Every structure is written in structure tokens, then in C-alpha cells.
Amino acid sequence: MIQSNGPRMIFWETTSKCNLSCSHCRREPGAGDSGREDLDWDQTRLLLDGIADKWATMLVLSGGEPLLREDIFGVAAYAVALGLQVGLATNGTLIDETMADRIACSGMRVAAVSLDSANPESHNRKRGQKGCYEQAVKGIVNLKNAGVPVQINTTVTSENLNEMEGIYNLAAHFGVTALHFFIHIPVGCGATIPKTQRLDVHGYLKTLQWVLRKSADKRIRLRVTCAPQYNRLAKKESESQRSAGKDGSGQHPRGQFNTGCLAGKAICFISSDGQVQPCGYLPLSCGNVRESSIFEIWNEAALLRQLRDQNSLKGKCGKCGKNDICGGCRARAYAVTGDVLEDDPLCLSNA
């Protein structure tokens, strides 16, 4: 029986294999690149059956690089046949015309391609391989030509903070449906990025204010991830617009306004070896789908229950009167303080 209290989105690391070495990756350097611990077909089928039996959710096939998993299209076909909405998160480098056609025929609803700069050299440097920018761009073009809706994902650091306008214009040029900015979380490979290259509070605020302004230009659907503080800014702007006698609508990306951090509440992440985490940037296991059903883990894991209780937050986040629409990023709190319930280091309490 389909239930309404499950995750809206499940991100599944279908394989640990990857052909790039991105400096900001959430995975530990060199972790599992052989793919030997990936769920096998029988385990995959049980996982997908368990998801579809309880929830009508969006399943995002990610990695590593999911297109390196040999049976990825079989996985997608099985999930689609079960009635799940399926998306693909890819670095785009492997998507030639043939691959784009296979993706189009698979029933996947959208392909999210990572692009971290409008400058080829900058993108290639961040992702550790010459030519990967050109390959990703060709992948986007091939997907568009095959009729696959494309979303661009960009990880924001201080290095590309001033490139957001250029990335937006590039996305508009390609005619993508959405552009998602991911605020860098210092976890995995991303923990090795020097602090000088990470966003401080001022850079973070600048990022969110830019997204808030730019979202009024409705050519592309904008979203900012790992940034629950955005909801405070959007609500403040909306209230200001209404008090001025204006509509106040359309000033924030669709689906973001009063939800706060989604980790363990509306989303979860399943690693290549079956570990269930609140999100991909919060490397705390709540159980393993090789041992328990995803339904059981989602409903009974102590950490997930704790994250759903706003009264469990500590420090400023616990005392803040806006923790119902913000609550801080739990992954960032854990990465910096070691305590998932502590203050978000990029709190915008004075914004």
C-alpha cells in the first residue's frame, strides 16, 4: 500500500565507479572505485520493490558515475515498470548520441549534468581531467537533441562564486529546464579543499541573494541546495513585497520556502554498498538495505527520528524562532562540528 509519509526523493549511488576525480566530491578520495561493493541485481531488485511497494517517489540514479554501471538501463527500466519516477545524475562525459538515445528510451524523466563553471579550464581543474568540460557540454547537447529534459548542477565555492551569472547564461543558452546550485559541504574529498576556497558567511549570503534576485527571471527554474537559510530570505522578501502592495510571488525557486533542511525528512541517500544516510553529504549510516528494508529504516532509524524533531537542535539553531523554515544544514553542522544537531556554521542570523 502506497503511503504518504515517505521520502519525496531517494538518491541512490548505483555504483562507486567514477571516471573523474572531483575536488569537491562528497566521497572519500579513491573510495570504492572498483565498484566491487555495489548492490548486485538481486539486492537491487529487492530495494526497488521495497521502495515502489510503499512510496510513489522520485528515484535519482547517481554515483560515482551511474553510466559506468553495466546494468544501469536494466535498473532504470525495472524501476520505471514499478511506477517510480526516475532521474539520472551524471557528469555528462559519457553521453554521446547513442547514450543519449538510450537514456531517452529508458523512461528516465530528467538527466542532471554537473557543470561547475562556464570556463572550461576551471571546470576541468575542479574535476581533475582535461577535456571533461567539452565532453559534458556535448552530453548536454546530445540529451537535448534526444528529447531528454536537462538540469545543470553546480557546486558553489569561493572560486566560482562570481561565475554564477555566466553559468546561468550558459544554462539558458542550452535551454535546460533547471539549474541547481549546491553549496559546498566539506565532506569526503570536499574536506580537502582549503578553507580559503570555501564559502564564508558573506560569500554564502551573496550566493543566496543572487539566487533570490535571479529567480524572478523565470527562463530557468532555480534552486539552491544545502542552504535552508534561503527560506528565511525568501519569506522575508515575500513579506516585504506584500507589505508594499505587490504580489510577492515568484521570488523563490519552486518547492523552496518553508521546508528547511530536507535530510531525513523528505530525502534520503543510499550508498553503493547499501548504507542509508539522511543525505549524501551526511555520512552517518541509519542502516543497510542488505539487512533491513528501506521502509523499516526510514520509519525506525533513531537518527532520522531525531532529525525530524526540531526541538532536538542545539545552540542557535535550537533557540532560533525560524527553525521551522530553516533549522540549518545538518550536513554542514556535522562536517564542521562533528555534531549533527549543532549550529550551522553559515548561519545568517542577522540577515
Protein backbone atom coordinates (compact mmCIF):
# COMPACT_ATOMS: atom_id res chain seq x y z
CA MET A 1 0.00 0.00 0.00
CA ILE A 2 1.37 3.39 -1.02
CA GLN A 3 1.96 5.66 1.98
CA SER A 4 2.24 9.44 2.04
CA ASN A 5 4.86 9.88 4.76
CA GLY A 6 7.84 8.54 2.84
CA PRO A 7 10.72 10.42 1.21
CA ARG A 8 9.86 12.64 -1.74
CA MET A 9 13.21 11.81 -3.30
CA ILE A 10 15.69 8.97 -2.85
CA PHE A 11 19.22 9.41 -4.16
CA TRP A 12 20.89 6.08 -4.83
CA GLU A 13 24.61 5.79 -5.51
CA THR A 14 24.19 2.96 -8.00
CA THR A 15 27.96 2.46 -8.29
CA SER A 16 31.11 3.74 -6.68
CA LYS A 17 32.88 3.70 -10.04
CA CYS A 18 33.76 7.09 -11.50
CA ASN A 19 35.89 8.35 -14.35
CA LEU A 20 36.63 11.75 -12.75
CA SER A 21 38.39 12.92 -9.59
CA CYS A 22 36.41 15.96 -8.46
CA SER A 23 37.97 18.07 -5.73
CA HIS A 24 34.63 18.75 -4.06
CA CYS A 25 33.21 15.20 -4.21
CA ARG A 26 31.33 14.01 -1.12
CA ARG A 27 33.11 10.61 -1.34
CA GLU A 28 36.39 9.86 0.37
CA PRO A 29 39.37 10.07 -2.03
CA GLY A 30 39.64 6.85 -4.04
CA ALA A 31 36.78 5.21 -2.13
CA GLY A 32 35.49 2.06 -3.79
CA ASP A 33 36.41 2.97 -7.35
CA SER A 34 36.34 -0.71 -8.32
CA GLY A 35 32.60 -0.90 -7.72
CA ARG A 36 33.06 -4.29 -6.08
CA GLU A 37 30.69 -3.49 -3.21
CA ASP A 38 27.83 -2.23 -5.38
CA LEU A 39 24.45 -3.86 -4.82
CA ASP A 40 24.04 -6.84 -7.16
CA TRP A 41 20.94 -7.38 -9.27
CA ASP A 42 19.03 -9.43 -6.69
CA GLN A 43 19.75 -6.84 -4.00
CA THR A 44 18.83 -4.07 -6.41
CA ARG A 45 15.51 -5.69 -7.28
CA LEU A 46 14.60 -6.12 -3.61
CA LEU A 47 15.48 -2.48 -2.96
CA LEU A 48 13.37 -1.20 -5.84
CA ASP A 49 10.48 -3.49 -4.96
CA GLY A 50 10.59 -2.20 -1.40
CA ILE A 51 10.55 1.43 -2.48
CA ALA A 52 7.72 1.05 -5.00
CA ASP A 53 5.63 -1.06 -2.62
CA LYS A 54 5.34 1.79 -0.12
CA TRP A 55 6.05 5.09 -1.82
CA ALA A 56 5.40 6.97 -5.03
CA THR A 57 8.71 8.77 -5.01
CA MET A 58 11.39 10.17 -7.28
CA LEU A 59 14.42 7.90 -7.52
CA VAL A 60 17.64 9.56 -8.65
CA LEU A 61 20.27 7.17 -10.03
CA SER A 62 23.63 8.67 -9.14
CA GLY A 63 27.21 7.60 -8.47
CA GLY A 64 30.14 7.66 -8.78
CA GLU A 65 29.17 7.84 -12.39
CA PRO A 66 25.99 5.79 -12.87
CA LEU A 67 26.61 5.24 -16.59
CA LEU A 68 29.60 3.09 -15.61
CA ARG A 69 27.26 0.55 -14.04
CA GLU A 70 26.80 -2.12 -16.71
CA ASP A 71 23.14 -2.82 -15.98
CA ILE A 72 22.07 0.79 -15.36
CA PHE A 73 19.46 0.74 -18.11
CA GLY A 74 18.06 -2.50 -16.80
CA VAL A 75 17.85 -0.88 -13.37
CA ALA A 76 16.07 2.14 -14.82
CA ALA A 77 13.63 0.00 -16.82
CA TYR A 78 12.76 -2.10 -13.78
CA ALA A 79 12.18 0.99 -11.62
CA VAL A 80 10.04 2.68 -14.26
CA ALA A 81 7.98 -0.50 -14.70
CA LEU A 82 7.28 -0.41 -10.96
CA GLY A 83 5.84 3.07 -11.34
CA LEU A 84 8.73 5.06 -9.89
CA GLN A 85 9.77 8.40 -11.33
CA VAL A 86 13.42 8.01 -12.28
CA GLY A 87 16.11 10.60 -12.84
CA LEU A 88 19.81 10.43 -13.67
CA ALA A 89 22.64 12.39 -12.03
CA THR A 90 25.74 12.26 -14.22
CA ASN A 91 28.94 14.13 -15.01
CA GLY A 92 27.88 14.04 -18.66
CA THR A 93 31.23 12.95 -20.08
CA LEU A 94 29.99 9.58 -21.38
CA ILE A 95 26.88 10.81 -23.15
CA ASP A 96 27.42 10.52 -26.88
CA GLU A 97 24.45 10.42 -29.28
CA THR A 98 23.91 6.69 -28.76
CA MET A 99 23.98 7.00 -24.99
CA ALA A 100 21.60 9.95 -25.11
CA ASP A 101 19.14 7.91 -27.17
CA ARG A 102 19.35 5.05 -24.66
CA ILE A 103 18.63 7.46 -21.82
CA ALA A 104 15.68 8.87 -23.75
CA CYS A 105 14.26 5.39 -24.35
CA SER A 106 14.78 4.26 -20.76
CA GLY A 107 11.88 6.20 -19.33
CA MET A 108 14.05 8.42 -17.15
CA ARG A 109 12.31 11.76 -16.66
CA VAL A 110 15.33 14.04 -16.37
CA ALA A 111 19.11 13.99 -16.56
CA ALA A 112 21.09 16.25 -14.21
CA VAL A 113 24.53 17.08 -15.58
CA SER A 114 27.24 18.60 -13.38
CA LEU A 115 28.84 21.79 -14.66
CA ASP A 116 30.86 23.85 -12.22
CA SER A 117 31.97 26.71 -14.41
CA ALA A 118 31.31 28.44 -17.68
CA ASN A 119 35.08 28.41 -18.12
CA PRO A 120 36.46 25.11 -19.48
CA GLU A 121 39.79 25.32 -17.67
CA SER A 122 38.12 26.00 -14.32
CA HIS A 123 35.66 23.12 -14.71
CA ASN A 124 38.40 20.73 -15.85
CA ARG A 125 40.59 21.69 -12.89
CA LYS A 126 37.80 21.11 -10.38
CA ARG A 127 37.00 17.72 -11.87
CA GLY A 128 40.55 16.54 -12.41
CA GLN A 129 40.50 15.76 -16.12
CA LYS A 130 41.34 17.73 -19.23
CA GLY A 131 38.56 17.88 -21.77
CA CYS A 132 35.76 16.93 -19.38
CA TYR A 133 34.09 20.34 -19.84
CA GLU A 134 33.78 19.83 -23.58
CA GLN A 135 32.51 16.29 -23.01
CA ALA A 136 29.89 17.48 -20.52
CA VAL A 137 28.70 20.21 -22.87
CA LYS A 138 28.40 17.71 -25.71
CA GLY A 139 26.49 15.46 -23.34
CA ILE A 140 24.00 18.24 -22.59
CA VAL A 141 23.54 18.95 -26.30
CA ASN A 142 23.07 15.26 -27.09
CA LEU A 143 20.49 14.87 -24.32
CA LYS A 144 18.58 17.90 -25.54
CA ASN A 145 18.62 16.61 -29.12
CA ALA A 146 17.31 13.26 -27.88
CA GLY A 147 14.40 14.98 -26.12
CA VAL A 148 15.62 14.42 -22.55
CA PRO A 149 14.91 17.29 -20.12
CA VAL A 150 18.23 18.51 -18.69
CA GLN A 151 19.09 20.04 -15.35
CA ILE A 152 22.51 21.53 -14.59
CA ASN A 153 24.03 21.02 -11.14
CA THR A 154 26.76 23.39 -9.94
CA THR A 155 28.73 23.14 -6.71
CA VAL A 156 29.46 26.63 -5.38
CA THR A 157 32.75 27.53 -3.69
CA SER A 158 34.51 30.86 -3.36
CA GLU A 159 36.33 30.02 -6.60
CA ASN A 160 33.24 30.09 -8.81
CA LEU A 161 31.00 32.36 -6.73
CA ASN A 162 31.42 35.18 -9.23
CA GLU A 163 30.68 32.85 -12.15
CA MET A 164 27.05 32.23 -11.27
CA GLU A 165 25.78 34.72 -13.82
CA GLY A 166 27.91 33.12 -16.54
CA ILE A 167 26.71 29.64 -15.58
CA TYR A 168 23.12 30.87 -15.64
CA ASN A 169 23.57 32.38 -19.10
CA LEU A 170 25.17 29.17 -20.34
CA ALA A 171 22.27 27.15 -18.94
CA ALA A 172 19.81 29.49 -20.63
CA HIS A 173 21.72 29.12 -23.90
CA PHE A 174 21.35 25.35 -23.71
CA GLY A 175 17.67 25.67 -22.86
CA VAL A 176 17.84 23.49 -19.76
CA THR A 177 14.78 23.21 -17.54
CA ALA A 178 16.51 23.80 -14.20
CA LEU A 179 19.73 25.00 -12.63
CA HIS A 180 20.59 23.80 -9.13
CA PHE A 181 23.35 25.43 -7.10
CA PHE A 182 24.80 23.13 -4.43
CA ILE A 183 26.58 24.86 -1.56
CA HIS A 184 29.88 23.06 -0.99
CA ILE A 185 29.93 20.84 2.10
CA PRO A 186 33.42 19.99 3.46
CA VAL A 187 32.99 16.22 3.48
CA GLY A 188 34.89 13.45 1.66
CA CYS A 189 37.17 14.89 -0.99
CA GLY A 190 35.49 18.23 -0.33
CA ALA A 191 37.06 18.32 3.13
CA THR A 192 40.48 18.70 1.50
CA ILE A 193 39.53 21.97 -0.18
CA PRO A 194 41.43 24.80 1.56
CA LYS A 195 39.30 27.00 3.80
CA THR A 196 40.20 29.98 1.65
CA GLN A 197 38.28 28.34 -1.20
CA ARG A 198 35.19 27.58 0.88
CA LEU A 199 32.29 30.00 1.19
CA ASP A 200 32.32 32.12 4.33
CA VAL A 201 29.14 33.67 5.70
CA HIS A 202 29.46 36.73 3.45
CA GLY A 203 30.00 34.65 0.32
CA TYR A 204 27.13 32.39 1.31
CA LEU A 205 24.79 35.33 1.78
CA LYS A 206 25.91 36.77 -1.56
CA THR A 207 25.08 33.45 -3.22
CA LEU A 208 21.60 33.24 -1.73
CA GLN A 209 20.80 36.86 -2.51
CA TRP A 210 21.87 36.34 -6.12
CA VAL A 211 19.60 33.29 -6.45
CA LEU A 212 16.72 35.20 -4.86
CA ARG A 213 17.09 38.08 -7.32
CA LYS A 214 17.67 35.86 -10.33
CA SER A 215 14.67 33.62 -9.61
CA ALA A 216 12.44 36.49 -10.77
CA ASP A 217 13.81 35.76 -14.27
CA LYS A 218 11.73 32.70 -14.97
CA ARG A 219 13.62 31.39 -18.00
CA ILE A 220 15.10 28.62 -15.85
CA ARG A 221 13.83 27.06 -12.62
CA LEU A 222 16.44 27.85 -9.96
CA ARG A 223 17.11 26.00 -6.73
CA VAL A 224 19.82 26.21 -4.12
CA THR A 225 20.66 23.07 -2.13
CA CYS A 226 22.28 22.65 1.29
CA ALA A 227 21.01 26.17 2.00
CA PRO A 228 17.95 26.12 4.27
CA GLN A 229 18.70 29.72 5.25
CA TYR A 230 17.46 30.65 1.79
CA ASN A 231 13.93 30.04 3.02
CA ARG A 232 14.29 32.83 5.59
CA LEU A 233 15.47 35.27 2.94
CA ALA A 234 12.71 34.25 0.53
CA LYS A 235 10.00 34.58 3.15
CA LYS A 236 11.35 37.96 4.25
CA GLU A 237 11.36 39.17 0.64
CA SER A 238 7.85 37.84 0.02
CA GLU A 239 6.52 39.57 3.12
CA SER A 240 8.23 42.79 2.09
CA GLN A 241 6.67 42.58 -1.37
CA ARG A 242 3.20 42.03 0.08
CA SER A 243 3.53 44.89 2.55
CA ALA A 244 4.45 47.12 -0.39
CA GLY A 245 1.25 46.09 -2.15
CA LYS A 246 2.99 43.82 -4.64
CA ASP A 247 2.26 40.21 -5.45
CA GLY A 248 5.35 38.82 -3.76
CA SER A 249 5.14 35.59 -5.69
CA GLY A 250 7.76 34.07 -7.92
CA GLN A 251 10.60 35.38 -5.81
CA HIS A 252 11.91 31.98 -4.82
CA PRO A 253 12.55 28.68 -6.57
CA ARG A 254 9.51 26.44 -6.74
CA GLY A 255 9.32 23.98 -3.85
CA GLN A 256 11.53 26.05 -1.54
CA PHE A 257 10.08 28.34 1.03
CA ASN A 258 9.17 26.66 4.30
CA THR A 259 10.78 23.25 4.28
CA GLY A 260 14.19 23.80 5.87
CA CYS A 261 16.84 21.08 5.75
CA LEU A 262 15.35 18.06 3.97
CA ALA A 263 17.85 15.47 5.21
CA GLY A 264 15.96 12.53 6.69
CA LYS A 265 12.66 14.36 6.35
CA ALA A 266 11.90 14.48 2.64
CA ILE A 267 15.01 12.87 1.18
CA CYS A 268 17.49 10.12 1.92
CA PHE A 269 20.58 8.70 0.29
CA ILE A 270 21.59 5.09 -0.31
CA SER A 271 25.30 4.45 -0.79
CA SER A 272 26.71 1.97 -3.28
CA ASP A 273 27.18 -0.60 -0.52
CA GLY A 274 23.63 -0.18 0.77
CA GLN A 275 24.08 2.25 3.67
CA VAL A 276 21.09 4.57 4.17
CA GLN A 277 22.07 8.14 5.08
CA PRO A 278 19.92 11.22 5.77
CA CYS A 279 21.50 12.81 2.70
CA GLY A 280 24.54 12.28 0.50
CA TYR A 281 26.59 14.86 2.38
CA LEU A 282 25.87 13.44 5.83
CA PRO A 283 27.93 10.23 6.11
CA LEU A 284 26.10 8.70 9.06
CA SER A 285 24.54 5.28 8.49
CA CYS A 286 20.98 4.70 9.61
CA GLY A 287 21.00 1.06 8.50
CA ASN A 288 21.78 -1.06 5.46
CA VAL A 289 19.28 -2.22 2.84
CA ARG A 290 21.17 -5.51 2.64
CA GLU A 291 20.00 -6.19 6.20
CA SER A 292 16.73 -4.26 6.60
CA SER A 293 14.07 -2.87 4.29
CA ILE A 294 14.28 0.75 3.27
CA PHE A 295 10.77 1.20 4.70
CA GLU A 296 11.86 -0.08 8.11
CA ILE A 297 14.98 2.07 8.15
CA TRP A 298 13.10 5.21 7.11
CA ASN A 299 10.49 4.79 9.83
CA GLU A 300 12.56 3.42 12.70
CA ALA A 301 16.14 4.72 12.49
CA ALA A 302 16.91 6.75 15.60
CA LEU A 303 18.94 9.38 13.74
CA LEU A 304 16.17 10.02 11.21
CA ARG A 305 13.63 10.41 14.00
CA GLN A 306 15.96 12.84 15.73
CA LEU A 307 16.41 14.94 12.59
CA ARG A 308 12.63 15.21 12.22
CA ASP A 309 12.33 16.70 15.69
CA GLN A 310 13.19 20.40 15.51
CA ASN A 311 13.27 20.50 19.31
CA SER A 312 16.39 18.32 19.25
CA LEU A 313 18.53 21.06 17.66
CA LYS A 314 21.23 22.68 19.76
CA GLY A 315 22.81 26.12 20.05
CA LYS A 316 21.49 28.97 17.96
CA CYS A 317 19.60 26.61 15.68
CA GLY A 318 17.72 25.21 18.65
CA LYS A 319 16.83 28.63 20.03
CA CYS A 320 16.02 30.30 16.71
CA GLY A 321 12.39 31.18 16.14
CA LYS A 322 12.79 30.35 12.48
CA ASN A 323 13.95 26.76 12.78
CA ASP A 324 10.61 25.59 11.38
CA ILE A 325 11.52 27.03 7.96
CA CYS A 326 15.30 26.75 8.27
CA GLY A 327 16.84 24.64 11.03
CA GLY A 328 20.29 24.96 9.48
CA CYS A 329 22.10 22.48 7.25
CA ARG A 330 22.64 19.32 9.30
CA ALA A 331 25.36 18.02 6.97
CA ARG A 332 27.38 21.24 7.31
CA ALA A 333 26.93 21.23 11.07
CA TYR A 334 28.24 17.67 11.26
CA ALA A 335 31.13 18.30 8.84
CA VAL A 336 32.40 21.28 10.81
CA THR A 337 31.47 20.49 14.43
CA GLY A 338 31.17 16.70 14.46
CA ASP A 339 27.64 17.01 15.93
CA VAL A 340 24.71 16.70 13.54
CA LEU A 341 22.48 18.74 15.88
CA GLU A 342 24.84 21.67 16.46
CA ASP A 343 24.83 25.16 14.92
CA ASP A 344 25.09 25.53 11.18
CA PRO A 345 28.44 27.38 10.75
CA LEU A 346 26.96 29.50 7.94
CA CYS A 347 24.00 30.75 10.00
CA LEU A 348 22.59 34.02 8.68
CA SER A 349 21.02 35.08 11.96
CA ASN A 350 21.50 38.73 11.15
CA ALA A 351 20.34 38.51 7.54
